[in-house]
C-alpha atoms as a PDB file:
ATOM      1  CA  MET A   1      -2.124 -22.967 -14.677  1.00  0.00           C
ATOM      2  CA  HIS A   2      -3.831 -19.823 -15.890  1.00  0.00           C
ATOM      3  CA  GLY A   3      -7.131 -19.737 -17.709  1.00  0.00           C
ATOM      4  CA  ASN A   4      -7.800 -17.812 -20.852  1.00  0.00           C
ATOM      5  CA  VAL A   5      -9.317 -14.399 -20.401  1.00  0.00           C
ATOM      6  CA  THR A   6     -11.441 -13.297 -23.324  1.00  0.00           C
ATOM      7  CA  ASN A   7     -10.892  -9.952 -25.008  1.00  0.00           C
ATOM      8  CA  GLU A   8     -14.240  -8.801 -23.603  1.00  0.00           C
ATOM      9  CA  GLU A   9     -13.268  -9.774 -20.045  1.00  0.00           C
ATOM     10  CA  TRP A  10      -9.939  -7.985 -20.407  1.00  0.00           C
ATOM     11  CA  GLN A  11     -11.706  -4.853 -21.648  1.00  0.00           C
ATOM     12  CA  ILE A  12     -14.261  -5.041 -18.824  1.00  0.00           C
ATOM     13  CA  PHE A  13     -11.562  -5.166 -16.155  1.00  0.00           C
ATOM     14  CA  LYS A  14      -9.671  -2.356 -17.872  1.00  0.00           C
ATOM     15  CA  GLU A  15     -12.750  -0.112 -18.053  1.00  0.00           C
ATOM     16  CA  ALA A  16     -13.814  -0.982 -14.497  1.00  0.00           C
ATOM     17  CA  TYR A  17     -10.337  -0.053 -13.289  1.00  0.00           C
ATOM     18  CA  GLN A  18     -10.466   3.218 -15.219  1.00  0.00           C
ATOM     19  CA  TYR A  19     -13.861   4.014 -13.662  1.00  0.00           C
ATOM     20  CA  PHE A  20     -12.464   3.351 -10.194  1.00  0.00           C
ATOM     21  CA  SER A  21      -9.334   5.369 -10.927  1.00  0.00           C
ATOM     22  CA  ASP A  22     -11.476   8.334 -12.005  1.00  0.00           C
ATOM     23  CA  HIS A  23     -13.743   8.093  -8.922  1.00  0.00           C
ATOM     24  CA  CYS A  24     -11.493   6.734  -6.174  1.00  0.00           C
ATOM     25  CA  LEU A  25     -11.621   9.845  -3.984  1.00  0.00           C
ATOM     26  CA  PRO A  26     -15.249  10.539  -3.079  1.00  0.00           C
ATOM     27  CA  PRO A  27     -15.922  13.595  -0.930  1.00  0.00           C
ATOM     28  CA  ALA A  28     -17.258  13.378   2.605  1.00  0.00           C
ATOM     29  CA  ASN A  29     -21.045  13.184   2.517  1.00  0.00           C
ATOM     30  CA  GLN A  30     -21.535  16.676   3.952  1.00  0.00           C
ATOM     31  CA  ASP A  31     -19.150  18.388   1.513  1.00  0.00           C
ATOM     32  CA  GLU A  32     -20.855  21.002  -0.628  1.00  0.00           C
ATOM     33  CA  ASN A  33     -19.852  19.236  -3.842  1.00  0.00           C
ATOM     34  CA  ALA A  34     -20.861  15.742  -2.673  1.00  0.00           C
ATOM     35  CA  VAL A  35     -24.211  15.662  -4.501  1.00  0.00           C
ATOM     36  CA  ASP A  36     -22.648  16.757  -7.794  1.00  0.00           C
ATOM     37  CA  TRP A  37     -19.786  14.279  -7.373  1.00  0.00           C
ATOM     38  CA  TRP A  38     -22.187  11.373  -6.755  1.00  0.00           C
ATOM     39  CA  MET A  39     -24.453  12.416  -9.643  1.00  0.00           C
ATOM     40  CA  SER A  40     -21.452  12.361 -11.977  1.00  0.00           C
ATOM     41  CA  ALA A  41     -20.270   8.998 -10.591  1.00  0.00           C
ATOM     42  CA  ALA A  42     -23.772   7.530 -11.040  1.00  0.00           C
ATOM     43  CA  LYS A  43     -24.013   8.834 -14.606  1.00  0.00           C
ATOM     44  CA  ASP A  44     -20.654   7.306 -15.485  1.00  0.00           C
ATOM     45  CA  VAL A  45     -21.480   3.965 -13.839  1.00  0.00           C
ATOM     46  CA  GLY A  46     -24.803   3.882 -15.688  1.00  0.00           C
ATOM     47  CA  GLU A  47     -23.095   4.444 -19.028  1.00  0.00           C
ATOM     48  CA  LEU A  48     -20.606   1.624 -18.415  1.00  0.00           C
ATOM     49  CA  ASP A  49     -23.346  -0.709 -17.222  1.00  0.00           C
ATOM     50  CA  ALA A  50     -25.393   0.017 -20.347  1.00  0.00           C
ATOM     51  CA  LYS A  51     -22.392  -0.497 -22.604  1.00  0.00           C
ATOM     52  CA  TRP A  52     -21.711  -3.947 -21.113  1.00  0.00           C
ATOM     53  CA  LYS A  53     -25.311  -4.974 -20.376  1.00  0.00           C
ATOM     54  CA  ASP A  54     -24.778  -8.468 -21.794  1.00  0.00           C
ATOM     55  CA  TYR A  55     -21.833  -9.131 -19.476  1.00  0.00           C
ATOM     56  CA  PRO A  56     -22.749  -9.675 -15.798  1.00  0.00           C
ATOM     57  CA  LEU A  57     -19.060  -9.385 -14.880  1.00  0.00           C
ATOM     58  CA  MET A  58     -19.124  -5.620 -15.463  1.00  0.00           C
ATOM     59  CA  ARG A  59     -22.225  -5.113 -13.327  1.00  0.00           C
ATOM     60  CA  SER A  60     -20.660  -7.117 -10.495  1.00  0.00           C
ATOM     61  CA  LEU A  61     -17.442  -5.105 -10.675  1.00  0.00           C
ATOM     62  CA  LEU A  62     -19.283  -1.790 -10.833  1.00  0.00           C
ATOM     63  CA  LEU A  63     -21.459  -2.664  -7.839  1.00  0.00           C
ATOM     64  CA  ALA A  64     -18.396  -3.597  -5.815  1.00  0.00           C
ATOM     65  CA  ILE A  65     -16.583  -0.400  -6.819  1.00  0.00           C
ATOM     66  CA  TYR A  66     -19.622   1.785  -6.073  1.00  0.00           C
ATOM     67  CA  GLU A  67     -20.090   0.164  -2.645  1.00  0.00           C
ATOM     68  CA  TYR A  68     -16.417   0.722  -1.893  1.00  0.00           C
ATOM     69  CA  MET A  69     -16.694   4.390  -2.864  1.00  0.00           C
ATOM     70  CA  GLU A  70     -19.689   4.711  -0.502  1.00  0.00           C
ATOM     71  CA  PHE A  71     -17.589   3.136   2.263  1.00  0.00           C
ATOM     72  CA  LYS A  72     -14.771   5.618   1.630  1.00  0.00           C
ATOM     73  CA  ALA A  73     -17.211   8.560   1.706  1.00  0.00           C
ATOM     74  CA  LYS A  74     -18.716   7.333   4.987  1.00  0.00           C
ATOM     75  CA  GLU A  75     -15.238   6.986   6.478  1.00  0.00           C
ATOM     76  CA  LYS A  76     -14.443  10.576   5.492  1.00  0.00           C
ATOM     77  CA  THR A  77     -17.766  11.743   6.881  1.00  0.00           C
ATOM     78  CA  ARG A  78     -17.072  10.063  10.206  1.00  0.00           C
ATOM     79  CA  GLU A  79     -13.590  11.600  10.358  1.00  0.00           C
ATOM     80  CA  VAL A  80     -15.031  15.054   9.775  1.00  0.00           C
ATOM     81  CA  ALA A  81     -17.788  14.485  12.354  1.00  0.00           C
ATOM     82  CA  GLU A  82     -15.219  13.378  14.949  1.00  0.00           C
ATOM     83  CA  PHE A  83     -13.080  16.412  14.170  1.00  0.00           C
ATOM     84  CA  VAL A  84     -16.042  18.766  14.587  1.00  0.00           C
ATOM     85  CA  GLN A  85     -17.037  17.141  17.906  1.00  0.00           C
ATOM     86  CA  GLU A  86     -13.531  17.551  19.314  1.00  0.00           C
ATOM     87  CA  GLN A  87     -13.509  21.338  18.824  1.00  0.00           C
END
């Protein structure tokens, strides 16, 4: 049996997915554009959070997405560091 998802919940998941889709490839931390990329990602996450401030679901989703993007950036950073050490 499936529950009923409200229109707001549906929209929150849709917008959270769109945010992730737009920011799913963070640069390695030492890339020259990393600071600009993260500033843009933070601005966009702040705007979504403000838009849905009365819905804790959006904040939870955005925090999870942001943490995952940080994980991906750290993984890229480690790969680059290992590559540099091997040379």
